[in-house]
Each structure stands twice: as structure tokens, then as C-alpha cells.
Amino acid sequence: MEAAQQAAVAVGLTVVDLAMRGDFAAIEARFAPRLRVALPAGGLRKAWESEIGMIGADLRRGEPTTEEIGPGLVRVGVPLVGRHGGLTVLMGIDTEGAVQGLRLDGAGGGESAWAPPSYADPARFGEREVVLDAGLGPVAGVLTLPRVAAPAPGVVLLSGAGPFDRDGTAGPLKPLKGLASRGVASLRFDKVTGVHTDRVAATPGFTLADEYVPHAVAAVRALQATPGVDPAHVFVLGHSAGGKVAPRVAAAEPSVAGLVLSAADSAPMNHAAVRVFRHIAALTPGLAAEAEPAIAELEREAARVDSPDLAADTPGTELPLGLSGAYWLDLRGYDPVATLAALDVPALVLQGGRDYQVTVADDLALWRAGLDGRRGVTISVHERADHFFFMGDGPATPADYAVPGHVDGVVVGEIADWIAAQRL
């Protein structure tokens, strides 16, 4: 193991040991400025206690793994096993020993610990594994079929940006799971960014289209070919960045019967990243001033995205979120609102009133303006919903995502009813 990886492992093991002792302040002291904004004080403790409560005490630490994920950045994974399950603490650690990213992977203890929502009735559907071979390589997924006499409509589910699994797992949350009791077939799949990280890293021109479109199109065609599914009524439902790219999927596969855009962003993502970081920093007294240098750097990176000098080979280290110049050029040239406006398919646009990532003021306003007068578009705002369409009151915060929850049943019903109405 190289010296940089050895040093990163030492930091990673220290972080896990501190968490096991409950010394979260010492861990947060190791956070890079941006991570302090993304994961405010108390957020890690809340997430940790929630996840450890699911997998049980008497934790045993496994052998760490390492992977170089960028210049001067090593990903360290430390597995933990409890009495009822396990998880992996994933950390991005730089050459200075600062923690640039931290995630509890496999959290929620896996399937045995995840509790389905009250509206999910396993007697009303069956599931089986599928493989979609497209793009940079095959990914696995789950085909869910309702137990109904007539051919059912189908929907392909797309999660947000990043290396999500088929359920869109984020800590204890599985927002793409539990939507199968309303007579709609579905297909959800692991993303290529999670399954083939090595191939993604080795593809310098990798874009948003590469991240989603090949496997989404393959999923649409797989659903259409499935006995018991109405091939003329297969829809695409995208959440967050999955909603942003959904019009692009329908443009690539004209047989798509309609789109459901759930908390779909439309504002330029480089500027949205700055807005979200500022919002989160403002939630914690005293953090805004401390985070200002990191936010100022993010603003400089966002300006590089807008620059005419941006090139496909501009390294991600100089751009927001570590995404490459090729990725940002593709995003810069893609207008999801105009793409949807030009399509002849119905669309349901869902928005949470408490969502601070994709907002009514910044994103929904663009959808409304660009789709004004466009037939077949329904816009629905759920005032108490956050980004995942979990209901609550007061300002939403990142710590909310550490609390187990489910997409609200009213929202699920609205989606199912809208899909059913398109067949009339």
C-alpha cells in the first residue's frame, strides 16, 4: 500500500474509533470546510446513532479498503458489523488528512432493517432481479410486477445524482422503494456511477447523459417487453437529477408514454450548489463566517463553469462538486425545461415546499415559465414536503435525512392516479 493510502487509512480508522467512542466533536474538527457546511454540527451524531441503532451494538471493525478517486484524494472504507447487520463508513481523505466526504454506506442495516411504508402491501406485487447491459457496462435492478389481471402500466425509476443503488439509498432512506402497491409495474436499477466506478473514472468525457440515458432507455425497453406490462404505457419517473434528465431520456426513446419529475432541478447546477451551501451554512450559528472561504472558492469554481474557457479536459479539481469539464459542458448545453417543452408527452411535475435543494423559487419557477401553455403538464406543490417528499414542519435541514422515513402516501397515490389517467 502506498504511503498516501496508508496515511488515509490511519485517518479513517481514527475517525471510526472516535465515532465508536461518541467523540463527534473531534471528528468534525477533521472535516474540510466544505464538509462542515454539508454536514453541520450534530448531523453526524444523529446519523450515526440512527444507523447503529439499526445494526445493533457490539460493533466489530473489519479490514479497511482504499481507492484513489482523484488527485490527492483517497477513499477509505471501514466496514462495521453489529448484532443485526452491517455498514461501511466511507470517507474521502486528502493528503493533508482532512475529511472531504463521509457517508454511511449500506446504512439502515440492509433489507432486514428497512421497514416498508404502511401503504406497501407485499401481497399485491412480486419482484425479481434483472440485468440491464448498456452504456459502460451491465447493472442489476429489480422488476416489480403488480398482481393484476390486465396489463399494467409501467414506470422506470431514476434516482438523483451520484453513485446511488436501485433504491436511491441515502443513509436510512430508500425513497425509490415501497411504491409498488398501486397497480403500476416498475423497474429500478443500480447506477453505473456506483457499479462501475473504475470505468467512469477512466472515461474522461463522462457526462450526465452517460450517467443516466443508456440504462434508462434499456429499462424502458425491458419493461415494454415484460409480459403483464402494457408496452404503450411505460413512463419515466426521475427524482432530483433523475428528474432533470428525464426529458432527455424521453427524447432518446420516443416510446416513453410520459414523465414524472419529482423535485427536478432546472436552475444551473453550478449556481445551485453555491445557494445550497450558503443555505446550510446559515442554519448553524457561527458556521456561516467560518465557511465563507470555502463558499467563496465554490463561487470561483461556479464562475469557471460559465467561462468560455471551460474545456472538456478542465480537471474536476477546479470545478464544482469535483465534476469534470466534459460533464459541466454537457450540463451547460442541456436545457431540461426546453427539452420537455418540445416533447409531445404528458408530464407531472412534483415539488416540495420545504425543499432547500430544489426550490419553488429557483427551480419550479423555471419549469412553470417554460411550460406555460404547454398542454398535458400538471404541476403539483406539496407545501409540507422536503426534497424526498417526506412531510414535516419548519425549515428542512440535512439532519432530517438521518431520520428513517418514506415518501408520503398522498404523493404516491397522486403519481399512481396520474399514470392511470393517461390511459383513459
Protein backbone atom coordinates (compact mmCIF):
# COMPACT_ATOMS: atom_id res chain seq x y z
CA MET A 1 0.00 0.00 0.00
CA GLU A 2 1.37 3.41 -0.96
CA ALA A 3 2.24 5.95 1.70
CA ALA A 4 -0.70 8.25 0.82
CA GLN A 5 -3.13 5.38 1.18
CA GLN A 6 -1.55 4.28 4.45
CA ALA A 7 -1.91 7.81 5.83
CA ALA A 8 -5.54 7.97 4.68
CA VAL A 9 -6.30 4.61 6.31
CA ALA A 10 -4.82 5.86 9.59
CA VAL A 11 -7.11 8.90 9.49
CA GLY A 12 -10.10 6.77 8.54
CA LEU A 13 -9.55 4.32 11.39
CA THR A 14 -9.17 7.21 13.80
CA VAL A 15 -12.48 8.70 12.63
CA VAL A 16 -14.27 5.38 13.11
CA ASP A 17 -12.72 4.86 16.54
CA LEU A 18 -13.83 8.36 17.58
CA ALA A 19 -17.35 7.66 16.36
CA MET A 20 -17.48 4.40 18.29
CA ARG A 21 -16.47 6.36 21.41
CA GLY A 22 -19.06 9.06 20.69
CA ASP A 23 -16.50 11.86 20.25
CA PHE A 24 -18.14 13.53 17.25
CA ALA A 25 -16.67 16.94 18.00
CA ALA A 26 -13.19 15.51 17.42
CA ILE A 27 -14.35 14.06 14.10
CA GLU A 28 -15.90 17.33 12.97
CA ALA A 29 -12.61 19.08 13.76
CA ARG A 30 -11.09 16.95 10.98
CA PHE A 31 -13.71 17.97 8.41
CA ALA A 32 -12.65 20.08 5.44
CA PRO A 33 -14.53 23.42 5.34
CA ARG A 34 -16.98 22.25 2.67
CA LEU A 35 -17.90 19.15 4.61
CA ARG A 36 -18.56 21.30 7.67
CA VAL A 37 -21.13 23.13 5.56
CA ALA A 38 -22.66 20.00 4.06
CA LEU A 39 -22.76 18.17 7.40
CA PRO A 40 -23.33 20.72 10.17
CA ALA A 41 -22.54 20.08 13.83
CA GLY A 42 -24.73 17.35 15.25
CA GLY A 43 -25.62 15.88 11.87
CA LEU A 44 -23.06 13.09 12.04
CA ARG A 45 -24.05 12.11 15.59
CA LYS A 46 -27.70 11.92 14.59
CA ALA A 47 -26.96 9.80 11.52
CA TRP A 48 -24.56 7.54 13.41
CA GLU A 49 -26.92 6.89 16.30
CA SER A 50 -29.77 6.14 13.90
CA GLU A 51 -27.73 3.64 11.89
CA ILE A 52 -26.01 1.95 14.81
CA GLY A 53 -29.41 1.58 16.45
CA MET A 54 -30.46 -0.47 13.42
CA ILE A 55 -27.45 -2.75 13.09
CA GLY A 56 -27.06 -3.23 16.83
CA ALA A 57 -24.27 -2.75 19.33
CA ASP A 58 -21.16 -4.92 19.93
CA LEU A 59 -19.56 -3.44 16.83
CA ARG A 60 -16.70 -5.26 15.16
CA ARG A 61 -14.41 -3.39 12.79
CA GLY A 62 -13.30 -5.07 9.57
CA GLU A 63 -10.31 -4.52 7.32
CA PRO A 64 -10.31 -1.13 5.60
CA THR A 65 -10.25 -0.72 1.83
CA THR A 66 -8.73 2.11 -0.17
CA GLU A 67 -9.16 3.60 -3.63
CA GLU A 68 -7.61 6.65 -5.25
CA ILE A 69 -10.54 8.73 -6.50
CA GLY A 70 -8.75 11.87 -7.62
CA PRO A 71 -5.52 13.84 -7.35
CA GLY A 72 -4.56 13.88 -3.69
CA LEU A 73 -7.79 12.18 -2.59
CA VAL A 74 -8.21 8.63 -1.28
CA ARG A 75 -11.48 6.91 -0.47
CA VAL A 76 -11.27 4.76 2.65
CA GLY A 77 -13.96 2.25 3.52
CA VAL A 78 -14.15 0.83 7.02
CA PRO A 79 -16.69 -1.98 7.47
CA LEU A 80 -18.55 -2.35 10.76
CA VAL A 81 -20.63 -5.34 11.81
CA GLY A 82 -23.18 -5.29 14.62
CA ARG A 83 -25.55 -7.89 16.01
CA HIS A 84 -28.24 -7.25 13.36
CA GLY A 85 -26.36 -6.14 10.29
CA GLY A 86 -23.51 -4.09 8.96
CA LEU A 87 -22.48 -0.92 7.23
CA THR A 88 -19.37 0.67 5.76
CA VAL A 89 -18.05 4.08 6.75
CA LEU A 90 -16.87 5.66 3.50
CA MET A 91 -14.57 8.67 3.72
CA GLY A 92 -12.76 10.82 1.20
CA ILE A 93 -9.44 11.89 2.76
CA ASP A 94 -6.94 14.30 1.23
CA THR A 95 -3.17 14.47 1.53
CA GLU A 96 -3.46 16.88 4.47
CA GLY A 97 -5.54 14.35 6.42
CA ALA A 98 -8.73 16.39 6.11
CA VAL A 99 -12.01 14.52 5.66
CA GLN A 100 -13.53 15.80 2.42
CA GLY A 101 -16.53 13.49 2.41
CA LEU A 102 -18.20 10.99 4.74
CA ARG A 103 -21.05 8.56 4.15
CA LEU A 104 -22.53 5.55 5.94
CA ASP A 105 -22.95 3.04 3.12
CA GLY A 106 -25.31 0.13 3.46
CA ALA A 107 -26.72 2.01 6.41
CA GLY A 108 -30.11 1.06 7.60
CA GLY A 109 -28.80 -2.46 8.09
CA GLY A 110 -29.87 -3.64 4.64
CA GLU A 111 -33.18 -5.22 3.81
CA SER A 112 -33.67 -6.84 7.21
CA ALA A 113 -33.73 -3.47 8.98
CA TRP A 114 -35.61 -1.44 6.38
CA ALA A 115 -39.29 -1.26 7.25
CA PRO A 116 -41.72 -0.81 4.35
CA PRO A 117 -44.23 2.04 4.46
CA SER A 118 -47.75 1.34 5.62
CA TYR A 119 -49.11 1.74 2.11
CA ALA A 120 -46.92 -1.06 0.68
CA ASP A 121 -48.74 -4.41 0.60
CA PRO A 122 -46.37 -7.26 -0.41
CA ALA A 123 -49.36 -9.44 -1.27
CA ARG A 124 -50.18 -7.15 -4.18
CA PHE A 125 -46.91 -7.46 -6.12
CA GLY A 126 -43.92 -9.67 -6.85
CA GLU A 127 -40.28 -8.81 -7.56
CA ARG A 128 -37.42 -10.35 -9.48
CA GLU A 129 -33.85 -9.39 -10.33
CA VAL A 130 -32.95 -8.12 -13.79
CA VAL A 131 -29.74 -7.03 -15.53
CA LEU A 132 -29.52 -4.06 -17.89
CA ASP A 133 -26.49 -4.25 -20.17
CA ALA A 134 -25.91 -0.81 -21.67
CA GLY A 135 -23.56 2.16 -21.56
CA LEU A 136 -20.36 1.47 -19.65
CA GLY A 137 -21.49 -1.99 -18.58
CA PRO A 138 -24.22 -4.11 -17.01
CA VAL A 139 -26.06 -3.03 -13.87
CA ALA A 140 -28.51 -5.01 -11.75
CA GLY A 141 -32.00 -3.94 -10.91
CA VAL A 142 -35.38 -5.06 -9.64
CA LEU A 143 -38.53 -5.55 -11.70
CA THR A 144 -41.71 -5.16 -9.66
CA LEU A 145 -44.96 -6.54 -11.08
CA PRO A 146 -48.39 -5.94 -9.56
CA ARG A 147 -50.69 -8.91 -9.26
CA VAL A 148 -53.45 -7.65 -11.56
CA ALA A 149 -55.43 -9.32 -14.34
CA ALA A 150 -54.99 -6.71 -17.06
CA PRO A 151 -51.65 -5.48 -18.43
CA ALA A 152 -50.32 -2.84 -16.04
CA PRO A 153 -48.70 0.47 -16.87
CA GLY A 154 -45.01 0.62 -16.05
CA VAL A 155 -42.58 3.18 -14.74
CA VAL A 156 -38.78 3.36 -14.79
CA LEU A 157 -37.42 4.97 -11.62
CA LEU A 158 -34.33 7.21 -11.75
CA SER A 159 -32.54 8.35 -8.59
CA GLY A 160 -30.60 11.55 -8.02
CA ALA A 161 -27.02 12.42 -8.94
CA GLY A 162 -24.26 10.26 -7.54
CA PRO A 163 -23.49 6.56 -7.08
CA PHE A 164 -26.95 5.53 -5.84
CA ASP A 165 -28.19 1.97 -5.71
CA ARG A 166 -31.53 0.81 -7.11
CA ASP A 167 -33.44 2.13 -4.08
CA GLY A 168 -31.83 5.57 -4.05
CA THR A 169 -30.43 4.63 -0.63
CA ALA A 170 -29.23 7.61 1.41
CA GLY A 171 -28.47 6.61 4.98
CA PRO A 172 -31.69 5.08 6.35
CA LEU A 173 -33.73 6.34 3.40
CA LYS A 174 -34.83 4.27 0.40
CA PRO A 175 -37.09 6.69 -1.48
CA LEU A 176 -37.43 4.55 -4.62
CA LYS A 177 -38.58 1.51 -2.64
CA GLY A 178 -42.13 0.90 -1.47
CA LEU A 179 -44.03 2.30 -4.47
CA ALA A 180 -45.43 -0.99 -5.72
CA SER A 181 -48.96 -1.42 -4.30
CA ARG A 182 -50.96 0.78 -6.67
CA GLY A 183 -51.13 -1.42 -9.77
CA VAL A 184 -48.10 0.06 -11.55
CA ALA A 185 -45.16 -2.10 -12.63
CA SER A 186 -41.74 -0.59 -12.03
CA LEU A 187 -38.08 -1.12 -12.77
CA ARG A 188 -35.35 0.43 -10.65
CA PHE A 189 -31.63 -0.24 -11.05
CA ASP A 190 -28.19 0.41 -9.59
CA LYS A 191 -26.49 3.37 -11.22
CA VAL A 192 -23.39 2.97 -13.34
CA THR A 193 -21.60 5.51 -11.13
CA GLY A 194 -21.91 3.09 -8.21
CA VAL A 195 -21.34 -0.21 -10.04
CA HIS A 196 -18.57 0.75 -12.46
CA THR A 197 -16.67 3.49 -10.66
CA ASP A 198 -13.43 2.40 -12.29
CA ARG A 199 -14.87 2.67 -15.78
CA VAL A 200 -16.48 6.02 -15.02
CA ALA A 201 -13.16 7.35 -13.71
CA ALA A 202 -11.41 6.06 -16.84
CA THR A 203 -13.88 7.83 -19.15
CA PRO A 204 -12.65 11.44 -19.38
CA GLY A 205 -15.66 12.56 -21.42
CA PHE A 206 -18.22 11.12 -18.98
CA THR A 207 -21.41 13.23 -18.89
CA LEU A 208 -24.87 13.44 -17.36
CA ALA A 209 -26.18 11.62 -20.44
CA ASP A 210 -23.72 8.76 -19.87
CA GLU A 211 -24.72 8.61 -16.22
CA TYR A 212 -28.41 8.04 -16.98
CA VAL A 213 -29.60 7.69 -20.54
CA PRO A 214 -28.25 4.29 -21.77
CA HIS A 215 -29.53 2.29 -18.80
CA ALA A 216 -32.77 4.27 -18.56
CA VAL A 217 -33.56 3.54 -22.21
CA ALA A 218 -32.66 -0.12 -21.68
CA ALA A 219 -35.00 -0.18 -18.66
CA VAL A 220 -37.87 1.31 -20.68
CA ARG A 221 -37.44 -1.34 -23.37
CA ALA A 222 -37.12 -4.13 -20.79
CA LEU A 223 -40.40 -3.06 -19.17
CA GLN A 224 -42.12 -2.85 -22.53
CA ALA A 225 -41.04 -6.41 -23.31
CA THR A 226 -42.23 -7.80 -19.96
CA PRO A 227 -45.38 -9.95 -20.05
CA GLY A 228 -48.08 -8.31 -17.95
CA VAL A 229 -46.92 -4.76 -18.75
CA ASP A 230 -48.73 -2.50 -21.21
CA PRO A 231 -45.91 -1.56 -23.63
CA ALA A 232 -47.77 1.55 -24.78
CA HIS A 233 -47.84 2.97 -21.27
CA VAL A 234 -44.33 2.89 -19.84
CA PHE A 235 -43.36 6.10 -18.07
CA VAL A 236 -40.17 7.53 -16.55
CA LEU A 237 -40.13 8.92 -13.01
CA GLY A 238 -37.00 10.83 -12.07
CA HIS A 239 -36.09 12.26 -8.69
CA SER A 240 -33.82 15.30 -8.38
CA ALA A 241 -31.13 14.98 -11.10
CA GLY A 242 -33.06 11.94 -12.34
CA GLY A 243 -35.97 14.29 -12.96
CA LYS A 244 -33.70 16.81 -14.65
CA VAL A 245 -32.51 14.18 -17.11
CA ALA A 246 -35.90 12.50 -17.62
CA PRO A 247 -36.82 14.71 -20.63
CA ARG A 248 -33.52 13.70 -22.20
CA VAL A 249 -34.42 10.04 -21.75
CA ALA A 250 -37.80 10.61 -23.43
CA ALA A 251 -36.09 12.45 -26.28
CA ALA A 252 -33.78 9.47 -26.77
CA GLU A 253 -36.61 6.93 -26.51
CA PRO A 254 -39.79 8.35 -28.13
CA SER A 255 -41.90 5.40 -26.94
CA VAL A 256 -41.89 6.80 -23.38
CA ALA A 257 -45.55 7.46 -22.55
CA GLY A 258 -44.98 10.30 -20.09
CA LEU A 259 -42.77 11.76 -17.39
CA VAL A 260 -43.00 12.31 -13.65
CA LEU A 261 -40.48 14.90 -12.46
CA SER A 262 -40.05 14.69 -8.70
CA ALA A 263 -38.07 17.56 -7.14
CA ALA A 264 -36.38 18.00 -10.51
CA ASP A 265 -33.79 20.74 -10.65
CA SER A 266 -33.78 23.17 -13.57
CA ALA A 267 -31.58 26.06 -12.38
CA PRO A 268 -27.89 25.89 -13.43
CA MET A 269 -26.36 23.35 -11.07
CA ASN A 270 -23.13 25.26 -10.53
CA HIS A 271 -25.05 28.21 -9.06
CA ALA A 272 -27.49 25.95 -7.21
CA ALA A 273 -24.54 24.34 -5.41
CA VAL A 274 -23.47 27.74 -4.08
CA ARG A 275 -27.03 28.55 -2.99
CA VAL A 276 -27.42 25.23 -1.16
CA PHE A 277 -24.07 25.57 0.61
CA ARG A 278 -24.96 29.09 1.75
CA HIS A 279 -28.35 27.91 3.00
CA ILE A 280 -26.85 25.06 5.03
CA ALA A 281 -24.11 27.25 6.48
CA ALA A 282 -26.72 29.75 7.64
CA LEU A 283 -28.56 27.05 9.60
CA THR A 284 -25.76 26.76 12.16
CA PRO A 285 -24.87 29.85 14.23
CA GLY A 286 -21.25 30.78 13.70
CA LEU A 287 -20.72 28.44 10.76
CA ALA A 288 -21.51 30.96 8.02
CA ALA A 289 -18.42 33.08 8.72
CA GLU A 290 -16.19 30.03 9.10
CA ALA A 291 -17.47 28.55 5.85
CA GLU A 292 -17.15 31.75 3.84
CA PRO A 293 -13.68 30.95 2.37
CA ALA A 294 -14.94 27.56 1.15
CA ILE A 295 -18.08 29.14 -0.29
CA ALA A 296 -16.02 31.84 -1.99
CA GLU A 297 -13.90 29.13 -3.62
CA LEU A 298 -17.07 27.34 -4.72
CA GLU A 299 -18.26 30.60 -6.28
CA ARG A 300 -14.99 30.86 -8.20
CA GLU A 301 -15.41 27.30 -9.41
CA ALA A 302 -19.01 28.03 -10.43
CA ALA A 303 -17.79 31.02 -12.44
CA ARG A 304 -15.31 28.74 -14.26
CA VAL A 305 -18.27 26.65 -15.44
CA ASP A 306 -19.78 29.77 -17.02
CA SER A 307 -16.49 30.82 -18.58
CA PRO A 308 -15.97 30.50 -22.34
CA ASP A 309 -12.59 28.99 -21.44
CA LEU A 310 -14.20 25.88 -19.92
CA ALA A 311 -12.88 22.83 -21.79
CA ALA A 312 -13.63 19.12 -21.73
CA ASP A 313 -10.25 18.45 -20.13
CA THR A 314 -10.62 21.07 -17.37
CA PRO A 315 -9.99 18.94 -14.26
CA GLY A 316 -12.71 18.39 -11.72
CA THR A 317 -10.43 19.74 -9.01
CA GLU A 318 -11.01 23.22 -10.47
CA LEU A 319 -14.79 22.86 -10.83
CA PRO A 320 -17.79 22.46 -8.50
CA LEU A 321 -18.51 19.08 -6.93
CA GLY A 322 -15.37 17.58 -8.47
CA LEU A 323 -17.14 17.03 -11.80
CA SER A 324 -15.06 17.24 -14.96
CA GLY A 325 -15.10 19.92 -17.61
CA ALA A 326 -16.79 17.47 -20.01
CA TYR A 327 -19.58 16.86 -17.51
CA TRP A 328 -20.15 20.59 -16.96
CA LEU A 329 -20.04 21.36 -20.70
CA ASP A 330 -22.76 18.78 -21.24
CA LEU A 331 -24.84 20.24 -18.40
CA ARG A 332 -24.31 23.76 -19.71
CA GLY A 333 -25.65 22.75 -23.11
CA TYR A 334 -28.70 20.89 -21.78
CA ASP A 335 -31.92 22.77 -21.04
CA PRO A 336 -34.32 20.34 -19.35
CA VAL A 337 -37.25 22.76 -19.47
CA ALA A 338 -36.91 23.47 -23.21
CA THR A 339 -36.39 19.76 -23.88
CA LEU A 340 -39.63 18.88 -22.10
CA ALA A 341 -41.50 21.75 -23.74
CA ALA A 342 -40.57 20.34 -27.16
CA LEU A 343 -41.74 16.80 -26.34
CA ASP A 344 -45.23 15.57 -27.10
CA VAL A 345 -45.68 13.62 -23.86
CA PRO A 346 -47.70 14.36 -20.71
CA ALA A 347 -45.79 15.31 -17.59
CA LEU A 348 -46.42 15.55 -13.86
CA VAL A 349 -44.11 17.99 -12.06
CA LEU A 350 -43.96 17.46 -8.28
CA GLN A 351 -42.33 19.93 -5.89
CA GLY A 352 -41.87 20.07 -2.15
CA GLY A 353 -42.50 23.43 -0.49
CA ARG A 354 -39.80 22.78 2.17
CA ASP A 355 -37.17 21.58 -0.29
CA TYR A 356 -33.99 23.67 0.05
CA GLN A 357 -32.06 21.77 -2.65
CA VAL A 358 -34.59 22.13 -5.46
CA THR A 359 -36.77 25.08 -4.63
CA VAL A 360 -40.09 26.61 -5.60
CA ALA A 361 -38.41 29.98 -6.21
CA ASP A 362 -35.36 28.84 -8.16
CA ASP A 363 -36.33 25.65 -9.98
CA LEU A 364 -40.10 25.30 -10.12
CA ALA A 365 -40.34 28.90 -11.35
CA LEU A 366 -38.33 27.89 -14.44
CA TRP A 367 -40.50 24.83 -15.08
CA ARG A 368 -43.64 26.96 -14.76
CA ALA A 369 -42.38 29.68 -17.06
CA GLY A 370 -41.04 27.33 -19.71
CA LEU A 371 -44.09 25.06 -19.71
CA ASP A 372 -46.71 27.81 -19.53
CA GLY A 373 -49.42 26.98 -22.06
CA ARG A 374 -47.92 23.55 -22.81
CA ARG A 375 -50.76 21.02 -22.91
CA GLY A 376 -50.58 17.87 -20.80
CA VAL A 377 -48.47 19.31 -17.98
CA THR A 378 -49.65 19.09 -14.36
CA ILE A 379 -47.71 20.91 -11.64
CA SER A 380 -48.31 19.94 -8.03
CA VAL A 381 -46.71 21.53 -4.96
CA HIS A 382 -46.80 19.77 -1.60
CA GLU A 383 -46.12 22.56 0.85
CA ARG A 384 -45.02 20.36 3.79
CA ALA A 385 -42.74 18.12 1.71
CA ASP A 386 -38.95 18.17 1.72
CA HIS A 387 -36.63 17.03 -1.09
CA PHE A 388 -37.60 13.36 -0.62
CA PHE A 389 -41.30 14.15 -0.19
CA PHE A 390 -41.23 13.35 3.49
CA MET A 391 -43.66 15.59 5.33
CA GLY A 392 -42.72 17.94 8.16
CA ASP A 393 -42.95 21.43 9.51
CA GLY A 394 -40.43 24.24 9.74
CA PRO A 395 -37.22 24.60 7.74
CA ALA A 396 -35.81 21.35 6.37
CA THR A 397 -32.19 20.56 7.31
CA PRO A 398 -29.59 17.97 6.27
CA ALA A 399 -30.04 16.27 9.65
CA ASP A 400 -33.60 15.34 8.63
CA TYR A 401 -32.15 12.86 6.15
CA ALA A 402 -30.68 10.84 9.01
CA VAL A 403 -34.18 10.03 10.27
CA PRO A 404 -35.89 6.99 8.69
CA GLY A 405 -38.92 7.93 6.61
CA HIS A 406 -40.91 7.22 3.47
CA VAL A 407 -42.28 9.11 0.52
CA ASP A 408 -45.67 10.38 1.66
CA GLY A 409 -48.55 8.10 0.73
CA VAL A 410 -50.54 11.01 -0.70
CA VAL A 411 -47.72 11.70 -3.17
CA VAL A 412 -47.52 8.02 -4.14
CA GLY A 413 -51.27 7.99 -4.70
CA GLU A 414 -51.09 11.13 -6.81
CA ILE A 415 -48.44 9.57 -9.05
CA ALA A 416 -50.40 6.34 -9.47
CA ASP A 417 -53.64 8.20 -10.21
CA TRP A 418 -51.92 10.44 -12.75
CA ILE A 419 -50.41 7.43 -14.54
CA ALA A 420 -53.79 5.70 -14.58
CA ALA A 421 -55.41 8.84 -16.04
CA GLN A 422 -53.02 8.84 -19.00
CA ARG A 423 -54.51 5.53 -20.16
CA LEU A 424 -58.06 6.92 -20.41
